[in-house]
Every structure is written in structure tokens, then in C-alpha cells.
Amino acid sequence: AGGSTTYADSVKGRFSISRNKSKNTVHL
């Protein structure tokens, strides 16, 4: 909820997660 992110080692540097709280969506 605070925006901290964690990634699997296999996707670090290639994938990015984000969320839009106002639209209730999360993206990868």
C-alpha cells in the first residue's frame, strides 16, 4: 500500500509493477 516493491530474482530489471489507487488497478 505504501508503494514498496519486491521482485523475483528472475525478473529483476525486466519487469515493473505499479498500481493506480484511484482506478483500482495494478499493472505489470
PDB file of all heavy atoms in Angstrom:
ATOM      1  N   ALA A   1       0.823  -1.202   0.000  1.00  0.00           N
ATOM      2  CA  ALA A   1       0.000   0.000   0.000  1.00  0.00           C
ATOM      3  C   ALA A   1       0.864   1.261   0.000  1.00  0.00           C
ATOM      4  O   ALA A   1       0.465   2.292  -0.549  1.00  0.00           O
ATOM      5  CB  ALA A   1      -0.932  -0.012   1.213  1.00  0.00           C
ATOM      6  N   GLY A   2       2.046   1.147   0.593  1.00  0.00           N
ATOM      7  CA  GLY A   2       2.944   2.293   0.628  1.00  0.00           C
ATOM      8  C   GLY A   2       3.800   2.459  -0.602  1.00  0.00           C
ATOM      9  O   GLY A   2       4.559   3.430  -0.717  1.00  0.00           O
ATOM     10  N   GLY A   3       3.687   1.504  -1.536  1.00  0.00           N
ATOM     11  CA  GLY A   3       4.431   1.618  -2.780  1.00  0.00           C
ATOM     12  C   GLY A   3       5.743   0.854  -2.838  1.00  0.00           C
ATOM     13  O   GLY A   3       6.444   0.903  -3.850  1.00  0.00           O
ATOM     14  N   SER A   4       6.081   0.124  -1.774  1.00  0.00           N
ATOM     15  CA  SER A   4       7.308  -0.678  -1.807  1.00  0.00           C
ATOM     16  C   SER A   4       7.109  -1.880  -2.722  1.00  0.00           C
ATOM     17  O   SER A   4       6.050  -2.504  -2.723  1.00  0.00           O
ATOM     18  CB  SER A   4       7.653  -1.154  -0.401  1.00  0.00           C
ATOM     19  OG  SER A   4       7.918  -0.058   0.451  1.00  0.00           O
ATOM     20  N   THR A   5       8.150  -2.199  -3.481  1.00  0.00           N
ATOM     21  CA  THR A   5       8.055  -3.285  -4.455  1.00  0.00           C
ATOM     22  C   THR A   5       9.076  -4.370  -4.177  1.00  0.00           C
ATOM     23  O   THR A   5      10.160  -4.110  -3.629  1.00  0.00           O
ATOM     24  CB  THR A   5       8.249  -2.765  -5.883  1.00  0.00           C
ATOM     25  OG1 THR A   5       9.524  -2.101  -5.975  1.00  0.00           O
ATOM     26  CG2 THR A   5       7.148  -1.784  -6.265  1.00  0.00           C
ATOM     27  N   THR A   6       8.720  -5.577  -4.563  1.00  0.00           N
ATOM     28  CA  THR A   6       9.591  -6.739  -4.454  1.00  0.00           C
ATOM     29  C   THR A   6       9.471  -7.532  -5.745  1.00  0.00           C
ATOM     30  O   THR A   6       8.363  -7.662  -6.280  1.00  0.00           O
ATOM     31  CB  THR A   6       9.188  -7.632  -3.266  1.00  0.00           C
ATOM     32  OG1 THR A   6       9.166  -6.852  -2.066  1.00  0.00           O
ATOM     33  CG2 THR A   6      10.155  -8.784  -3.097  1.00  0.00           C
ATOM     34  N   TYR A   7      10.599  -8.063  -6.224  1.00  0.00           N
ATOM     35  CA  TYR A   7      10.593  -8.825  -7.474  1.00  0.00           C
ATOM     36  C   TYR A   7      11.316 -10.162  -7.288  1.00  0.00           C
ATOM     37  O   TYR A   7      12.274 -10.268  -6.521  1.00  0.00           O
ATOM     38  CB  TYR A   7      11.295  -8.046  -8.580  1.00  0.00           C
ATOM     39  CG  TYR A   7      10.599  -6.758  -8.952  1.00  0.00           C
ATOM     40  CD1 TYR A   7      10.968  -5.555  -8.349  1.00  0.00           C
ATOM     41  CD2 TYR A   7       9.579  -6.746  -9.893  1.00  0.00           C
ATOM     42  CE1 TYR A   7      10.322  -4.371  -8.676  1.00  0.00           C
ATOM     43  CE2 TYR A   7       8.938  -5.564 -10.234  1.00  0.00           C
ATOM     44  CZ  TYR A   7       9.306  -4.386  -9.621  1.00  0.00           C
ATOM     45  OH  TYR A   7       8.672  -3.218  -9.956  1.00  0.00           O
ATOM     46  N   ALA A   8      10.865 -11.147  -8.044  1.00  0.00           N
ATOM     47  CA  ALA A   8      11.614 -12.390  -8.120  1.00  0.00           C
ATOM     48  C   ALA A   8      12.946 -12.099  -8.797  1.00  0.00           C
ATOM     49  O   ALA A   8      13.032 -11.251  -9.696  1.00  0.00           O
ATOM     50  CB  ALA A   8      10.834 -13.424  -8.916  1.00  0.00           C
ATOM     51  N   ASP A   9      13.987 -12.815  -8.392  1.00  0.00           N
ATOM     52  CA  ASP A   9      15.314 -12.588  -8.963  1.00  0.00           C
ATOM     53  C   ASP A   9      15.292 -12.748 -10.484  1.00  0.00           C
ATOM     54  O   ASP A   9      16.002 -12.041 -11.200  1.00  0.00           O
ATOM     55  CB  ASP A   9      16.323 -13.549  -8.354  1.00  0.00           C
ATOM     56  CG  ASP A   9      16.672 -13.199  -6.917  1.00  0.00           C
ATOM     57  OD1 ASP A   9      16.399 -12.060  -6.492  1.00  0.00           O
ATOM     58  OD2 ASP A   9      17.212 -14.078  -6.216  1.00  0.00           O
ATOM     59  N   SER A  10      14.470 -13.667 -10.967  1.00  0.00           N
ATOM     60  CA  SER A  10      14.466 -13.975 -12.395  1.00  0.00           C
ATOM     61  C   SER A  10      13.892 -12.847 -13.255  1.00  0.00           C
ATOM     62  O   SER A  10      14.098 -12.848 -14.471  1.00  0.00           O
ATOM     63  CB  SER A  10      13.667 -15.260 -12.636  1.00  0.00           C
ATOM     64  OG  SER A  10      12.333 -15.107 -12.188  1.00  0.00           O
ATOM     65  N   VAL A  11      13.202 -11.883 -12.634  1.00  0.00           N
ATOM     66  CA  VAL A  11      12.589 -10.810 -13.434  1.00  0.00           C
ATOM     67  C   VAL A  11      13.129  -9.431 -13.088  1.00  0.00           C
ATOM     68  O   VAL A  11      12.742  -8.437 -13.715  1.00  0.00           O
ATOM     69  CB  VAL A  11      11.048 -10.817 -13.285  1.00  0.00           C
ATOM     70  CG1 VAL A  11      10.484 -12.188 -13.596  1.00  0.00           C
ATOM     71  CG2 VAL A  11      10.624 -10.348 -11.903  1.00  0.00           C
ATOM     72  N   LYS A  12      14.004  -9.355 -12.104  1.00  0.00           N
ATOM     73  CA  LYS A  12      14.564  -8.064 -11.710  1.00  0.00           C
ATOM     74  C   LYS A  12      15.226  -7.373 -12.890  1.00  0.00           C
ATOM     75  O   LYS A  12      15.969  -7.999 -13.642  1.00  0.00           O
ATOM     76  CB  LYS A  12      15.580  -8.237 -10.582  1.00  0.00           C
ATOM     77  CG  LYS A  12      14.959  -8.450  -9.222  1.00  0.00           C
ATOM     78  CD  LYS A  12      16.021  -8.604  -8.143  1.00  0.00           C
ATOM     79  CE  LYS A  12      15.392  -8.825  -6.785  1.00  0.00           C
ATOM     80  NZ  LYS A  12      16.426  -9.055  -5.729  1.00  0.00           N
ATOM     81  N   GLY A  13      14.928  -6.088 -13.043  1.00  0.00           N
ATOM     82  CA  GLY A  13      15.497  -5.307 -14.126  1.00  0.00           C
ATOM     83  C   GLY A  13      14.731  -5.416 -15.436  1.00  0.00           C
ATOM     84  O   GLY A  13      14.998  -4.661 -16.371  1.00  0.00           O
ATOM     85  N   ARG A  14      13.775  -6.360 -15.495  1.00  0.00           N
ATOM     86  CA  ARG A  14      12.996  -6.530 -16.729  1.00  0.00           C
ATOM     87  C   ARG A  14      11.506  -6.221 -16.523  1.00  0.00           C
ATOM     88  O   ARG A  14      10.853  -5.723 -17.430  1.00  0.00           O
ATOM     89  CB  ARG A  14      13.125  -7.970 -17.239  1.00  0.00           C
ATOM     90  CG  ARG A  14      14.544  -8.381 -17.556  1.00  0.00           C
ATOM     91  CD  ARG A  14      14.586  -9.763 -18.241  1.00  0.00           C
ATOM     92  NE  ARG A  14      14.071 -10.827 -17.394  1.00  0.00           N
ATOM     93  CZ  ARG A  14      13.052 -11.617 -17.731  1.00  0.00           C
ATOM     94  NH1 ARG A  14      12.421 -11.442 -18.879  1.00  0.00           N
ATOM     95  NH2 ARG A  14      12.649 -12.577 -16.898  1.00  0.00           N
ATOM     96  N   PHE A  15      11.006  -6.537 -15.338  1.00  0.00           N
ATOM     97  CA  PHE A  15       9.587  -6.334 -15.038  1.00  0.00           C
ATOM     98  C   PHE A  15       9.424  -5.173 -14.064  1.00  0.00           C
ATOM     99  O   PHE A  15      10.302  -4.918 -13.230  1.00  0.00           O
ATOM    100  CB  PHE A  15       8.979  -7.582 -14.401  1.00  0.00           C
ATOM    101  CG  PHE A  15       8.826  -8.765 -15.322  1.00  0.00           C
ATOM    102  CD1 PHE A  15       9.441  -8.813 -16.564  1.00  0.00           C
ATOM    103  CD2 PHE A  15       8.068  -9.851 -14.921  1.00  0.00           C
ATOM    104  CE1 PHE A  15       9.294  -9.905 -17.400  1.00  0.00           C
ATOM    105  CE2 PHE A  15       7.909 -10.954 -15.744  1.00  0.00           C
ATOM    106  CZ  PHE A  15       8.534 -10.984 -16.984  1.00  0.00           C
ATOM    107  N   SER A  16       8.268  -4.521 -14.153  1.00  0.00           N
ATOM    108  CA  SER A  16       7.964  -3.424 -13.238  1.00  0.00           C
ATOM    109  C   SER A  16       6.485  -3.469 -12.862  1.00  0.00           C
ATOM    110  O   SER A  16       5.621  -3.504 -13.735  1.00  0.00           O
ATOM    111  CB  SER A  16       8.300  -2.082 -13.900  1.00  0.00           C
ATOM    112  OG  SER A  16       7.966  -1.009 -13.050  1.00  0.00           O
ATOM    113  N   ILE A  17       6.232  -3.455 -11.553  1.00  0.00           N
ATOM    114  CA  ILE A  17       4.850  -3.465 -11.058  1.00  0.00           C
ATOM    115  C   ILE A  17       4.465  -2.066 -10.621  1.00  0.00           C
ATOM    116  O   ILE A  17       5.295  -1.323 -10.059  1.00  0.00           O
ATOM    117  CB  ILE A  17       4.686  -4.483  -9.898  1.00  0.00           C
ATOM    118  CG1 ILE A  17       3.215  -4.647  -9.524  1.00  0.00           C
ATOM    119  CG2 ILE A  17       5.527  -4.090  -8.697  1.00  0.00           C
ATOM    120  CD1 ILE A  17       2.957  -5.802  -8.556  1.00  0.00           C
ATOM    121  N   SER A  18       3.224  -1.691 -10.892  1.00  0.00           N
ATOM    122  CA  SER A  18       2.725  -0.384 -10.473  1.00  0.00           C
ATOM    123  C   SER A  18       1.239  -0.492 -10.159  1.00  0.00           C
ATOM    124  O   SER A  18       0.584  -1.448 -10.578  1.00  0.00           O
ATOM    125  CB  SER A  18       2.966   0.661 -11.567  1.00  0.00           C
ATOM    126  OG  SER A  18       2.278   0.309 -12.759  1.00  0.00           O
ATOM    127  N   ARG A  19       0.722   0.476  -9.422  1.00  0.00           N
ATOM    128  CA  ARG A  19      -0.700   0.449  -9.105  1.00  0.00           C
ATOM    129  C   ARG A  19      -1.277   1.848  -9.228  1.00  0.00           C
ATOM    130  O   ARG A  19      -0.588   2.845  -8.988  1.00  0.00           O
ATOM    131  CB  ARG A  19      -0.939  -0.116  -7.708  1.00  0.00           C
ATOM    132  CG  ARG A  19      -0.370   0.692  -6.578  1.00  0.00           C
ATOM    133  CD  ARG A  19      -0.496  -0.034  -5.241  1.00  0.00           C
ATOM    134  NE  ARG A  19      -1.872  -0.264  -4.839  1.00  0.00           N
ATOM    135  CZ  ARG A  19      -2.223  -0.861  -3.701  1.00  0.00           C
ATOM    136  NH1 ARG A  19      -1.290  -1.305  -2.876  1.00  0.00           N
ATOM    137  NH2 ARG A  19      -3.492  -1.028  -3.394  1.00  0.00           N
ATOM    138  N   ASN A  20      -2.525   1.911  -9.617  1.00  0.00           N
ATOM    139  CA  ASN A  20      -3.262   3.155  -9.696  1.00  0.00           C
ATOM    140  C   ASN A  20      -4.399   3.049  -8.692  1.00  0.00           C
ATOM    141  O   ASN A  20      -5.412   2.401  -8.949  1.00  0.00           O
ATOM    142  CB  ASN A  20      -3.795   3.374 -11.115  1.00  0.00           C
ATOM    143  CG  ASN A  20      -4.456   4.719 -11.292  1.00  0.00           C
ATOM    144  OD1 ASN A  20      -5.106   5.224 -10.383  1.00  0.00           O
ATOM    145  ND2 ASN A  20      -4.277   5.315 -12.449  1.00  0.00           N
ATOM    146  N   LYS A  21      -4.212   3.659  -7.537  1.00  0.00           N
ATOM    147  CA  LYS A  21      -5.180   3.510  -6.465  1.00  0.00           C
ATOM    148  C   LYS A  21      -6.533   4.102  -6.836  1.00  0.00           C
ATOM    149  O   LYS A  21      -7.581   3.560  -6.483  1.00  0.00           O
ATOM    150  CB  LYS A  21      -4.643   4.146  -5.182  1.00  0.00           C
ATOM    151  CG  LYS A  21      -3.456   3.416  -4.580  1.00  0.00           C
ATOM    152  CD  LYS A  21      -3.049   4.043  -3.261  1.00  0.00           C
ATOM    153  CE  LYS A  21      -1.881   3.306  -2.632  1.00  0.00           C
ATOM    154  NZ  LYS A  21      -1.467   3.912  -1.352  1.00  0.00           N
ATOM    155  N   SER A  22      -6.525   5.204  -7.559  1.00  0.00           N
ATOM    156  CA  SER A  22      -7.793   5.857  -7.889  1.00  0.00           C
ATOM    157  C   SER A  22      -8.617   5.013  -8.864  1.00  0.00           C
ATOM    158  O   SER A  22      -9.845   5.072  -8.869  1.00  0.00           O
ATOM    159  CB  SER A  22      -7.544   7.250  -8.465  1.00  0.00           C
ATOM    160  OG  SER A  22      -6.828   7.173  -9.678  1.00  0.00           O
ATOM    161  N   LYS A  23      -7.918   4.204  -9.687  1.00  0.00           N
ATOM    162  CA  LYS A  23      -8.614   3.379 -10.666  1.00  0.00           C
ATOM    163  C   LYS A  23      -8.706   1.920 -10.226  1.00  0.00           C
ATOM    164  O   LYS A  23      -9.222   1.083 -10.962  1.00  0.00           O
ATOM    165  CB  LYS A  23      -7.916   3.468 -12.022  1.00  0.00           C
ATOM    166  CG  LYS A  23      -7.977   4.852 -12.655  1.00  0.00           C
ATOM    167  CD  LYS A  23      -7.327   4.859 -14.035  1.00  0.00           C
ATOM    168  CE  LYS A  23      -7.412   6.235 -14.675  1.00  0.00           C
ATOM    169  NZ  LYS A  23      -6.787   6.251 -16.030  1.00  0.00           N
ATOM    170  N   ASN A  24      -8.177   1.620  -9.032  1.00  0.00           N
ATOM    171  CA  ASN A  24      -8.215   0.243  -8.533  1.00  0.00           C
ATOM    172  C   ASN A  24      -7.615  -0.748  -9.528  1.00  0.00           C
ATOM    173  O   ASN A  24      -8.209  -1.788  -9.834  1.00  0.00           O
ATOM    174  CB  ASN A  24      -9.647  -0.187  -8.188  1.00  0.00           C
ATOM    175  CG  ASN A  24     -10.138   0.440  -6.909  1.00  0.00           C
ATOM    176  OD1 ASN A  24      -9.355   0.790  -6.035  1.00  0.00           O
ATOM    177  ND2 ASN A  24     -11.437   0.600  -6.782  1.00  0.00           N
ATOM    178  N   THR A  25      -6.468  -0.392 -10.055  1.00  0.00           N
ATOM    179  CA  THR A  25      -5.790  -1.290 -10.994  1.00  0.00           C
ATOM    180  C   THR A  25      -4.334  -1.490 -10.589  1.00  0.00           C
ATOM    181  O   THR A  25      -3.732  -0.638  -9.923  1.00  0.00           O
ATOM    182  CB  THR A  25      -5.817  -0.730 -12.427  1.00  0.00           C
ATOM    183  OG1 THR A  25      -5.242   0.588 -12.426  1.00  0.00           O
ATOM    184  CG2 THR A  25      -7.231  -0.654 -12.970  1.00  0.00           C
ATOM    185  N   VAL A  26      -3.801  -2.616 -10.977  1.00  0.00           N
ATOM    186  CA  VAL A  26      -2.372  -2.897 -10.809  1.00  0.00           C
ATOM    187  C   VAL A  26      -1.860  -3.412 -12.150  1.00  0.00           C
ATOM    188  O   VAL A  26      -2.570  -4.127 -12.870  1.00  0.00           O
ATOM    189  CB  VAL A  26      -2.125  -3.909  -9.666  1.00  0.00           C
ATOM    190  CG1 VAL A  26      -2.770  -5.258  -9.972  1.00  0.00           C
ATOM    191  CG2 VAL A  26      -0.642  -4.059  -9.397  1.00  0.00           C
ATOM    192  N   HIS A  27      -0.642  -3.016 -12.490  1.00  0.00           N
ATOM    193  CA  HIS A  27      -0.087  -3.353 -13.786  1.00  0.00           C
ATOM    194  C   HIS A  27       1.254  -4.062 -13.622  1.00  0.00           C
ATOM    195  O   HIS A  27       1.949  -3.861 -12.626  1.00  0.00           O
ATOM    196  CB  HIS A  27       0.105  -2.085 -14.621  1.00  0.00           C
ATOM    197  CG  HIS A  27      -1.135  -1.275 -14.783  1.00  0.00           C
ATOM    198  ND1 HIS A  27      -2.138  -1.628 -15.653  1.00  0.00           N
ATOM    199  CD2 HIS A  27      -1.550  -0.145 -14.160  1.00  0.00           C
ATOM    200  CE1 HIS A  27      -3.116  -0.727 -15.574  1.00  0.00           C
ATOM    201  NE2 HIS A  27      -2.782   0.179 -14.672  1.00  0.00           N
ATOM    202  N   LEU A  28       1.594  -4.850 -14.624  1.00  0.00           N
ATOM    203  CA  LEU A  28       2.910  -5.480 -14.670  1.00  0.00           C
ATOM    204  C   LEU A  28       3.480  -5.236 -16.063  1.00  0.00           C
ATOM    205  O   LEU A  28       2.994  -5.806 -17.046  1.00  0.00           O
ATOM    206  CB  LEU A  28       2.825  -6.977 -14.385  1.00  0.00           C
ATOM    207  CG  LEU A  28       4.167  -7.695 -14.307  1.00  0.00           C
ATOM    208  CD1 LEU A  28       4.948  -7.239 -13.061  1.00  0.00           C
ATOM    209  CD2 LEU A  28       3.975  -9.214 -14.277  1.00  0.00           C
TER     210      LEU A  28
END
